[in-house]
Amino acid sequence: MLGAMRKRKRAILVVLVATAVVGLAALAAWWSSRPRPHIDLAAYTRIFAGVKEPGSMTQAEVEAILGAPRRRCDGQALAGPPPLTS
């Protein structure tokens, strides 16, 4: 009887540890595969140089530097902040 309880506890522990390992592996795979913005000093400099004059750089030009706009699950672009006006 005591041996059966130990085997059951060990089996439960093995299942819990295996579940945790699989969950962490899935989280690591998701984290490493998600898209990242292309924001670095070079991109900042190109955008900053292009927006010194209001309206001199279009949203498409900024997206070309930074990459595609963020998307919702249904594929539609997320609404960004309103455009700056002078």
Protein backbone atom coordinates (compact mmCIF):
# COMPACT_ATOMS: atom_id res chain seq x y z
CA MET A 1 0.00 0.00 0.00
CA LEU A 2 2.76 2.44 0.94
CA GLY A 3 4.71 1.57 -2.24
CA ALA A 4 1.65 2.23 -4.41
CA MET A 5 1.19 5.70 -2.89
CA ARG A 6 4.81 6.57 -3.54
CA LYS A 7 4.52 5.45 -7.15
CA ARG A 8 1.38 7.54 -7.59
CA LYS A 9 2.99 10.63 -6.06
CA ARG A 10 6.05 10.15 -8.23
CA ALA A 11 3.87 9.78 -11.35
CA ILE A 12 1.98 12.98 -10.49
CA LEU A 13 5.26 14.82 -9.94
CA VAL A 14 6.65 13.58 -13.26
CA VAL A 15 3.50 14.73 -15.09
CA LEU A 16 3.64 18.17 -13.43
CA VAL A 17 7.32 18.64 -14.23
CA ALA A 18 6.81 17.49 -17.83
CA THR A 19 3.89 19.91 -18.22
CA ALA A 20 5.99 22.77 -16.86
CA VAL A 21 8.87 21.94 -19.22
CA VAL A 22 6.58 21.77 -22.26
CA GLY A 23 4.91 25.04 -21.23
CA LEU A 24 8.24 26.82 -20.82
CA ALA A 25 9.45 25.47 -24.17
CA ALA A 26 6.28 26.74 -25.88
CA LEU A 27 6.70 30.14 -24.22
CA ALA A 28 10.34 30.34 -25.32
CA ALA A 29 9.40 29.40 -28.91
CA TRP A 30 6.66 32.04 -29.01
CA TRP A 31 8.91 34.69 -27.47
CA SER A 32 11.72 34.10 -29.95
CA SER A 33 9.45 34.04 -33.02
CA ARG A 34 7.44 37.20 -32.44
CA PRO A 35 8.14 40.16 -34.73
CA ARG A 36 10.28 42.92 -33.35
CA PRO A 37 10.27 46.55 -34.43
CA HIS A 38 13.29 47.79 -36.33
CA ILE A 39 13.98 50.71 -34.03
CA ASP A 40 17.63 51.53 -33.70
CA LEU A 41 19.79 54.64 -33.92
CA ALA A 42 19.98 54.52 -37.72
CA ALA A 43 16.19 54.25 -38.10
CA TYR A 44 15.66 57.03 -35.55
CA THR A 45 18.09 59.29 -37.39
CA ARG A 46 16.40 58.68 -40.75
CA ILE A 47 12.94 59.35 -39.32
CA PHE A 48 14.06 62.39 -37.31
CA ALA A 49 15.70 63.88 -40.38
CA GLY A 50 12.51 63.28 -42.37
CA VAL A 51 10.08 64.86 -39.90
CA LYS A 52 11.85 68.12 -39.17
CA GLU A 53 9.28 69.75 -41.41
CA PRO A 54 5.67 68.74 -40.61
CA GLY A 55 4.17 66.62 -43.36
CA SER A 56 7.49 65.96 -45.07
CA MET A 57 7.48 62.21 -44.33
CA THR A 58 4.49 60.00 -45.01
CA GLN A 59 3.33 57.12 -42.86
CA ALA A 60 4.32 54.73 -45.64
CA GLU A 61 7.89 56.06 -45.56
CA VAL A 62 8.07 55.58 -41.78
CA GLU A 63 6.65 52.05 -42.10
CA ALA A 64 9.27 51.30 -44.77
CA ILE A 65 11.98 52.19 -42.23
CA LEU A 66 10.45 50.49 -39.18
CA GLY A 67 8.71 47.59 -40.88
CA ALA A 68 5.06 46.71 -41.30
CA PRO A 69 2.45 48.25 -39.00
CA ARG A 70 1.11 46.25 -36.07
CA ARG A 71 -1.81 43.98 -36.95
CA ARG A 72 -4.79 42.59 -35.12
CA CYS A 73 -5.59 38.87 -35.15
CA ASP A 74 -8.02 39.37 -38.04
CA GLY A 75 -5.29 40.97 -40.18
CA GLN A 76 -6.47 44.58 -39.99
CA ALA A 77 -3.94 47.24 -39.07
CA LEU A 78 -4.23 48.66 -35.58
CA ALA A 79 -5.20 52.29 -35.36
CA GLY A 80 -2.28 54.46 -34.41
CA PRO A 81 -2.21 57.88 -32.82
CA PRO A 82 -3.76 60.72 -34.79
CA PRO A 83 -1.42 62.44 -37.26
CA LEU A 84 0.43 65.50 -36.07
CA THR A 85 -0.83 68.77 -37.43
CA SER A 86 0.81 72.15 -37.25
